[in-house]
Amino acid sequence: MTIFGTTLDTMAVFSLISMLTLLVYWMFVLREEKRWLSWFRGWEADRKARRLAEEDATNAPASGQTSSKKGPWG
């Protein structure tokens, strides 16, 4: 077999097919990794939102008044 003026023997064809197969495999791996990372970021954001909502519910004043303290140092 000749491609671009180069004769390819059996080993060259096999290595070319192997490299293309490996490239396709890593494309699937990368796609699944991105999908998992996206799921994890969403899960982490939901967990943080639930935790903050629970903290706000437990720290809310009983009379319904909002606290005048704002910011991280009160």
PDB file of N, CA and C in Angstrom:
ATOM      1  N   MET A   1       0.850  -1.165   0.000  1.00  0.00           N
ATOM      2  CA  MET A   1       0.000   0.000   0.000  1.00  0.00           C
ATOM      3  C   MET A   1       0.901   1.236   0.000  1.00  0.00           C
ATOM      4  N   THR A   2       0.555   2.221  -0.780  1.00  0.00           N
ATOM      5  CA  THR A   2       1.344   3.436  -0.873  1.00  0.00           C
ATOM      6  C   THR A   2       0.472   4.642  -0.526  1.00  0.00           C
ATOM      7  N   ILE A   3       0.954   5.435   0.421  1.00  0.00           N
ATOM      8  CA  ILE A   3       0.258   6.666   0.816  1.00  0.00           C
ATOM      9  C   ILE A   3       1.277   7.798   0.764  1.00  0.00           C
ATOM     10  N   PHE A   4       0.975   8.840  -0.011  1.00  0.00           N
ATOM     11  CA  PHE A   4       1.849  10.003  -0.167  1.00  0.00           C
ATOM     12  C   PHE A   4       3.247   9.592  -0.604  1.00  0.00           C
ATOM     13  N   GLY A   5       3.359   8.580  -1.441  1.00  0.00           N
ATOM     14  CA  GLY A   5       4.645   8.147  -1.958  1.00  0.00           C
ATOM     15  C   GLY A   5       5.434   7.278  -1.021  1.00  0.00           C
ATOM     16  N   THR A   6       4.851   6.905   0.127  1.00  0.00           N
ATOM     17  CA  THR A   6       5.536   6.056   1.090  1.00  0.00           C
ATOM     18  C   THR A   6       4.876   4.691   1.097  1.00  0.00           C
ATOM     19  N   THR A   7       5.676   3.660   1.019  1.00  0.00           N
ATOM     20  CA  THR A   7       5.139   2.304   1.048  1.00  0.00           C
ATOM     21  C   THR A   7       4.908   1.903   2.494  1.00  0.00           C
ATOM     22  N   LEU A   8       3.707   1.465   2.788  1.00  0.00           N
ATOM     23  CA  LEU A   8       3.367   1.029   4.133  1.00  0.00           C
ATOM     24  C   LEU A   8       3.290  -0.489   4.164  1.00  0.00           C
ATOM     25  N   ASP A   9       4.073  -1.081   5.039  1.00  0.00           N
ATOM     26  CA  ASP A   9       3.997  -2.520   5.209  1.00  0.00           C
ATOM     27  C   ASP A   9       2.954  -2.865   6.272  1.00  0.00           C
ATOM     28  N   THR A  10       2.856  -4.116   6.607  1.00  0.00           N
ATOM     29  CA  THR A  10       1.827  -4.582   7.546  1.00  0.00           C
ATOM     30  C   THR A  10       1.976  -3.924   8.918  1.00  0.00           C
ATOM     31  N   MET A  11       3.186  -3.827   9.424  1.00  0.00           N
ATOM     32  CA  MET A  11       3.401  -3.227  10.750  1.00  0.00           C
ATOM     33  C   MET A  11       3.046  -1.742  10.759  1.00  0.00           C
ATOM     34  N   ALA A  12       3.331  -1.040   9.690  1.00  0.00           N
ATOM     35  CA  ALA A  12       3.007   0.385   9.626  1.00  0.00           C
ATOM     36  C   ALA A  12       1.494   0.590   9.604  1.00  0.00           C
ATOM     37  N   VAL A  13       0.793  -0.247   8.848  1.00  0.00           N
ATOM     38  CA  VAL A  13      -0.674  -0.149   8.810  1.00  0.00           C
ATOM     39  C   VAL A  13      -1.255  -0.483  10.174  1.00  0.00           C
ATOM     40  N   PHE A  14      -0.727  -1.531  10.819  1.00  0.00           N
ATOM     41  CA  PHE A  14      -1.205  -1.912  12.145  1.00  0.00           C
ATOM     42  C   PHE A  14      -0.965  -0.796  13.160  1.00  0.00           C
ATOM     43  N   SER A  15       0.216  -0.175  13.132  1.00  0.00           N
ATOM     44  CA  SER A  15       0.501   0.902  14.082  1.00  0.00           C
ATOM     45  C   SER A  15      -0.381   2.124  13.811  1.00  0.00           C
ATOM     46  N   LEU A  16      -0.658   2.418  12.555  1.00  0.00           N
ATOM     47  CA  LEU A  16      -1.540   3.530  12.215  1.00  0.00           C
ATOM     48  C   LEU A  16      -2.949   3.278  12.745  1.00  0.00           C
ATOM     49  N   ILE A  17      -3.456   2.088  12.537  1.00  0.00           N
ATOM     50  CA  ILE A  17      -4.790   1.732  13.043  1.00  0.00           C
ATOM     51  C   ILE A  17      -4.805   1.759  14.563  1.00  0.00           C
ATOM     52  N   SER A  18      -3.743   1.276  15.196  1.00  0.00           N
ATOM     53  CA  SER A  18      -3.672   1.287  16.663  1.00  0.00           C
ATOM     54  C   SER A  18      -3.682   2.705  17.212  1.00  0.00           C
ATOM     55  N   MET A  19      -2.926   3.592  16.586  1.00  0.00           N
ATOM     56  CA  MET A  19      -2.891   4.979  17.058  1.00  0.00           C
ATOM     57  C   MET A  19      -4.234   5.670  16.868  1.00  0.00           C
ATOM     58  N   LEU A  20      -4.896   5.415  15.762  1.00  0.00           N
ATOM     59  CA  LEU A  20      -6.221   6.005  15.545  1.00  0.00           C
ATOM     60  C   LEU A  20      -7.234   5.472  16.548  1.00  0.00           C
ATOM     61  N   THR A  21      -7.151   4.171  16.844  1.00  0.00           N
ATOM     62  CA  THR A  21      -8.037   3.586  17.853  1.00  0.00           C
ATOM     63  C   THR A  21      -7.772   4.193  19.224  1.00  0.00           C
ATOM     64  N   LEU A  22      -6.515   4.380  19.560  1.00  0.00           N
ATOM     65  CA  LEU A  22      -6.168   4.999  20.837  1.00  0.00           C
ATOM     66  C   LEU A  22      -6.653   6.440  20.908  1.00  0.00           C
ATOM     67  N   LEU A  23      -6.572   7.173  19.819  1.00  0.00           N
ATOM     68  CA  LEU A  23      -7.074   8.542  19.777  1.00  0.00           C
ATOM     69  C   LEU A  23      -8.582   8.582  20.028  1.00  0.00           C
ATOM     70  N   VAL A  24      -9.318   7.698  19.400  1.00  0.00           N
ATOM     71  CA  VAL A  24     -10.772   7.640  19.610  1.00  0.00           C
ATOM     72  C   VAL A  24     -11.079   7.279  21.060  1.00  0.00           C
ATOM     73  N   TYR A  25     -10.339   6.326  21.616  1.00  0.00           N
ATOM     74  CA  TYR A  25     -10.531   5.933  23.019  1.00  0.00           C
ATOM     75  C   TYR A  25     -10.339   7.129  23.947  1.00  0.00           C
ATOM     76  N   TRP A  26      -9.258   7.896  23.765  1.00  0.00           N
ATOM     77  CA  TRP A  26      -9.003   9.033  24.638  1.00  0.00           C
ATOM     78  C   TRP A  26     -10.019  10.149  24.440  1.00  0.00           C
ATOM     79  N   MET A  27     -10.593  10.249  23.254  1.00  0.00           N
ATOM     80  CA  MET A  27     -11.663  11.231  23.053  1.00  0.00           C
ATOM     81  C   MET A  27     -12.887  10.861  23.895  1.00  0.00           C
ATOM     82  N   PHE A  28     -13.217   9.587  23.951  1.00  0.00           N
ATOM     83  CA  PHE A  28     -14.328   9.148  24.798  1.00  0.00           C
ATOM     84  C   PHE A  28     -14.010   9.347  26.275  1.00  0.00           C
ATOM     85  N   VAL A  29     -12.783   9.054  26.670  1.00  0.00           N
ATOM     86  CA  VAL A  29     -12.386   9.241  28.065  1.00  0.00           C
ATOM     87  C   VAL A  29     -12.488  10.714  28.451  1.00  0.00           C
ATOM     88  N   LEU A  30     -12.014  11.602  27.583  1.00  0.00           N
ATOM     89  CA  LEU A  30     -12.081  13.038  27.863  1.00  0.00           C
ATOM     90  C   LEU A  30     -13.529  13.511  27.960  1.00  0.00           C
ATOM     91  N   ARG A  31     -14.393  13.005  27.079  1.00  0.00           N
ATOM     92  CA  ARG A  31     -15.795  13.396  27.115  1.00  0.00           C
ATOM     93  C   ARG A  31     -16.446  12.965  28.431  1.00  0.00           C
ATOM     94  N   GLU A  32     -16.171  11.728  28.876  1.00  0.00           N
ATOM     95  CA  GLU A  32     -16.737  11.253  30.136  1.00  0.00           C
ATOM     96  C   GLU A  32     -16.171  12.020  31.323  1.00  0.00           C
ATOM     97  N   GLU A  33     -14.907  12.388  31.264  1.00  0.00           N
ATOM     98  CA  GLU A  33     -14.297  13.161  32.350  1.00  0.00           C
ATOM     99  C   GLU A  33     -14.945  14.540  32.453  1.00  0.00           C
ATOM    100  N   LYS A  34     -15.186  15.177  31.327  1.00  0.00           N
ATOM    101  CA  LYS A  34     -15.853  16.486  31.339  1.00  0.00           C
ATOM    102  C   LYS A  34     -17.275  16.361  31.878  1.00  0.00           C
ATOM    103  N   ARG A  35     -17.971  15.297  31.483  1.00  0.00           N
ATOM    104  CA  ARG A  35     -19.333  15.080  31.959  1.00  0.00           C
ATOM    105  C   ARG A  35     -19.343  14.867  33.471  1.00  0.00           C
ATOM    106  N   TRP A  36     -18.404  14.078  33.982  1.00  0.00           N
ATOM    107  CA  TRP A  36     -18.332  13.839  35.417  1.00  0.00           C
ATOM    108  C   TRP A  36     -17.989  15.124  36.165  1.00  0.00           C
ATOM    109  N   LEU A  37     -17.052  15.917  35.642  1.00  0.00           N
ATOM    110  CA  LEU A  37     -16.675  17.164  36.290  1.00  0.00           C
ATOM    111  C   LEU A  37     -17.851  18.133  36.336  1.00  0.00           C
ATOM    112  N   SER A  38     -18.620  18.192  35.271  1.00  0.00           N
ATOM    113  CA  SER A  38     -19.800  19.050  35.240  1.00  0.00           C
ATOM    114  C   SER A  38     -20.828  18.591  36.278  1.00  0.00           C
ATOM    115  N   TRP A  39     -21.044  17.276  36.356  1.00  0.00           N
ATOM    116  CA  TRP A  39     -21.986  16.752  37.347  1.00  0.00           C
ATOM    117  C   TRP A  39     -21.509  17.073  38.749  1.00  0.00           C
ATOM    118  N   PHE A  40     -20.207  16.890  39.023  1.00  0.00           N
ATOM    119  CA  PHE A  40     -19.677  17.118  40.352  1.00  0.00           C
ATOM    120  C   PHE A  40     -19.793  18.580  40.761  1.00  0.00           C
ATOM    121  N   ARG A  41     -19.511  19.482  39.827  1.00  0.00           N
ATOM    122  CA  ARG A  41     -19.630  20.914  40.144  1.00  0.00           C
ATOM    123  C   ARG A  41     -21.078  21.278  40.469  1.00  0.00           C
ATOM    124  N   GLY A  42     -22.024  20.732  39.739  1.00  0.00           N
ATOM    125  CA  GLY A  42     -23.434  20.980  40.032  1.00  0.00           C
ATOM    126  C   GLY A  42     -23.836  20.415  41.372  1.00  0.00           C
ATOM    127  N   TRP A  43     -23.370  19.197  41.670  1.00  0.00           N
ATOM    128  CA  TRP A  43     -23.681  18.578  42.955  1.00  0.00           C
ATOM    129  C   TRP A  43     -23.098  19.394  44.100  1.00  0.00           C
ATOM    130  N   GLU A  44     -21.859  19.849  43.941  1.00  0.00           N
ATOM    131  CA  GLU A  44     -21.211  20.645  44.975  1.00  0.00           C
ATOM    132  C   GLU A  44     -21.939  21.972  45.186  1.00  0.00           C
ATOM    133  N   ALA A  45     -22.387  22.607  44.122  1.00  0.00           N
ATOM    134  CA  ALA A  45     -23.127  23.868  44.248  1.00  0.00           C
ATOM    135  C   ALA A  45     -24.470  23.635  44.947  1.00  0.00           C
ATOM    136  N   ASP A  46     -25.152  22.551  44.614  1.00  0.00           N
ATOM    137  CA  ASP A  46     -26.418  22.225  45.281  1.00  0.00           C
ATOM    138  C   ASP A  46     -26.200  21.944  46.762  1.00  0.00           C
ATOM    139  N   ARG A  47     -25.147  21.211  47.077  1.00  0.00           N
ATOM    140  CA  ARG A  47     -24.849  20.897  48.466  1.00  0.00           C
ATOM    141  C   ARG A  47     -24.545  22.167  49.261  1.00  0.00           C
ATOM    142  N   LYS A  48     -23.781  23.069  48.659  1.00  0.00           N
ATOM    143  CA  LYS A  48     -23.452  24.323  49.337  1.00  0.00           C
ATOM    144  C   LYS A  48     -24.713  25.165  49.543  1.00  0.00           C
ATOM    145  N   ALA A  49     -25.589  25.205  48.544  1.00  0.00           N
ATOM    146  CA  ALA A  49     -26.832  25.973  48.667  1.00  0.00           C
ATOM    147  C   ALA A  49     -27.718  25.398  49.772  1.00  0.00           C
ATOM    148  N   ARG A  50     -27.804  24.065  49.843  1.00  0.00           N
ATOM    149  CA  ARG A  50     -28.604  23.452  50.919  1.00  0.00           C
ATOM    150  C   ARG A  50     -28.017  23.762  52.290  1.00  0.00           C
ATOM    151  N   ARG A  51     -26.676  23.682  52.398  1.00  0.00           N
ATOM    152  CA  ARG A  51     -26.026  23.948  53.677  1.00  0.00           C
ATOM    153  C   ARG A  51     -26.238  25.399  54.107  1.00  0.00           C
ATOM    154  N   LEU A  52     -26.110  26.339  53.176  1.00  0.00           N
ATOM    155  CA  LEU A  52     -26.328  27.747  53.509  1.00  0.00           C
ATOM    156  C   LEU A  52     -27.779  28.008  53.893  1.00  0.00           C
ATOM    157  N   ALA A  53     -28.715  27.351  53.217  1.00  0.00           N
ATOM    158  CA  ALA A  53     -30.128  27.518  53.551  1.00  0.00           C
ATOM    159  C   ALA A  53     -30.411  26.984  54.946  1.00  0.00           C
ATOM    160  N   GLU A  54     -29.803  25.848  55.293  1.00  0.00           N
ATOM    161  CA  GLU A  54     -29.998  25.295  56.635  1.00  0.00           C
ATOM    162  C   GLU A  54     -29.397  26.204  57.696  1.00  0.00           C
ATOM    163  N   GLU A  55     -28.208  26.755  57.415  1.00  0.00           N
ATOM    164  CA  GLU A  55     -27.580  27.671  58.370  1.00  0.00           C
ATOM    165  C   GLU A  55     -28.417  28.931  58.545  1.00  0.00           C
ATOM    166  N   ASP A  56     -28.956  29.469  57.455  1.00  0.00           N
ATOM    167  CA  ASP A  56     -29.803  30.660  57.557  1.00  0.00           C
ATOM    168  C   ASP A  56     -31.068  30.363  58.341  1.00  0.00           C
ATOM    169  N   ALA A  57     -31.627  29.176  58.156  1.00  0.00           N
ATOM    170  CA  ALA A  57     -32.854  28.816  58.868  1.00  0.00           C
ATOM    171  C   ALA A  57     -32.593  28.666  60.365  1.00  0.00           C
ATOM    172  N   THR A  58     -31.448  28.135  60.732  1.00  0.00           N
ATOM    173  CA  THR A  58     -31.160  27.944  62.160  1.00  0.00           C
ATOM    174  C   THR A  58     -30.691  29.240  62.819  1.00  0.00           C
ATOM    175  N   ASN A  59     -30.111  30.165  62.066  1.00  0.00           N
ATOM    176  CA  ASN A  59     -29.599  31.414  62.638  1.00  0.00           C
ATOM    177  C   ASN A  59     -30.573  32.575  62.488  1.00  0.00           C
ATOM    178  N   ALA A  60     -31.734  32.362  61.903  1.00  0.00           N
ATOM    179  CA  ALA A  60     -32.697  33.448  61.699  1.00  0.00           C
ATOM    180  C   ALA A  60     -33.296  33.872  63.037  1.00  0.00           C
ATOM    181  N   PRO A  61     -33.495  35.168  63.238  1.00  0.00           N
ATOM    182  CA  PRO A  61     -34.129  35.643  64.478  1.00  0.00           C
ATOM    183  C   PRO A  61     -35.582  35.155  64.549  1.00  0.00           C
ATOM    184  N   ALA A  62     -36.036  34.860  65.763  1.00  0.00           N
ATOM    185  CA  ALA A  62     -37.382  34.316  65.955  1.00  0.00           C
ATOM    186  C   ALA A  62     -38.458  35.355  65.661  1.00  0.00           C
ATOM    187  N   SER A  63     -38.178  36.637  65.890  1.00  0.00           N
ATOM    188  CA  SER A  63     -39.190  37.673  65.693  1.00  0.00           C
ATOM    189  C   SER A  63     -39.330  38.084  64.233  1.00  0.00           C
ATOM    190  N   GLY A  64     -38.500  37.581  63.367  1.00  0.00           N
ATOM    191  CA  GLY A  64     -38.599  37.924  61.953  1.00  0.00           C
ATOM    192  C   GLY A  64     -37.840  39.172  61.581  1.00  0.00           C
ATOM    193  N   GLN A  65     -37.135  39.778  62.522  1.00  0.00           N
ATOM    194  CA  GLN A  65     -36.368  40.976  62.223  1.00  0.00           C
ATOM    195  C   GLN A  65     -35.052  40.571  61.580  1.00  0.00           C
ATOM    196  N   THR A  66     -34.643  41.378  60.650  1.00  0.00           N
ATOM    197  CA  THR A  66     -33.353  41.108  60.020  1.00  0.00           C
ATOM    198  C   THR A  66     -32.256  41.757  60.839  1.00  0.00           C
ATOM    199  N   SER A  67     -31.143  41.129  60.871  1.00  0.00           N
ATOM    200  CA  SER A  67     -30.013  41.650  61.631  1.00  0.00           C
ATOM    201  C   SER A  67     -29.366  42.800  60.873  1.00  0.00           C
ATOM    202  N   SER A  68     -28.903  43.797  61.602  1.00  0.00           N
ATOM    203  CA  SER A  68     -28.221  44.934  60.971  1.00  0.00           C
ATOM    204  C   SER A  68     -26.767  44.610  60.672  1.00  0.00           C
ATOM    205  N   LYS A  69     -26.303  43.497  61.159  1.00  0.00           N
ATOM    206  CA  LYS A  69     -24.914  43.112  60.921  1.00  0.00           C
ATOM    207  C   LYS A  69     -24.771  42.562  59.510  1.00  0.00           C
ATOM    208  N   LYS A  70     -23.848  43.127  58.788  1.00  0.00           N
ATOM    209  CA  LYS A  70     -23.584  42.697  57.412  1.00  0.00           C
ATOM    210  C   LYS A  70     -22.096  42.423  57.265  1.00  0.00           C
ATOM    211  N   GLY A  71     -21.737  41.498  56.440  1.00  0.00           N
ATOM    212  CA  GLY A  71     -20.340  41.226  56.136  1.00  0.00           C
ATOM    213  C   GLY A  71     -19.772  40.107  56.991  1.00  0.00           C
ATOM    214  N   PRO A  72     -18.540  39.750  56.754  1.00  0.00           N
ATOM    215  CA  PRO A  72     -17.953  38.610  57.436  1.00  0.00           C
ATOM    216  C   PRO A  72     -17.594  38.863  58.892  1.00  0.00           C
ATOM    217  N   TRP A  73     -17.458  40.126  59.320  1.00  0.00           N
ATOM    218  CA  TRP A  73     -17.097  40.409  60.702  1.00  0.00           C
ATOM    219  C   TRP A  73     -18.263  40.966  61.508  1.00  0.00           C
ATOM    220  N   GLY A  74     -19.452  40.838  61.005  1.00  0.00           N
ATOM    221  CA  GLY A  74     -20.624  41.292  61.745  1.00  0.00           C
ATOM    222  C   GLY A  74     -20.914  42.693  61.453  1.00  0.00           C
TER     223      GLY A  74
END
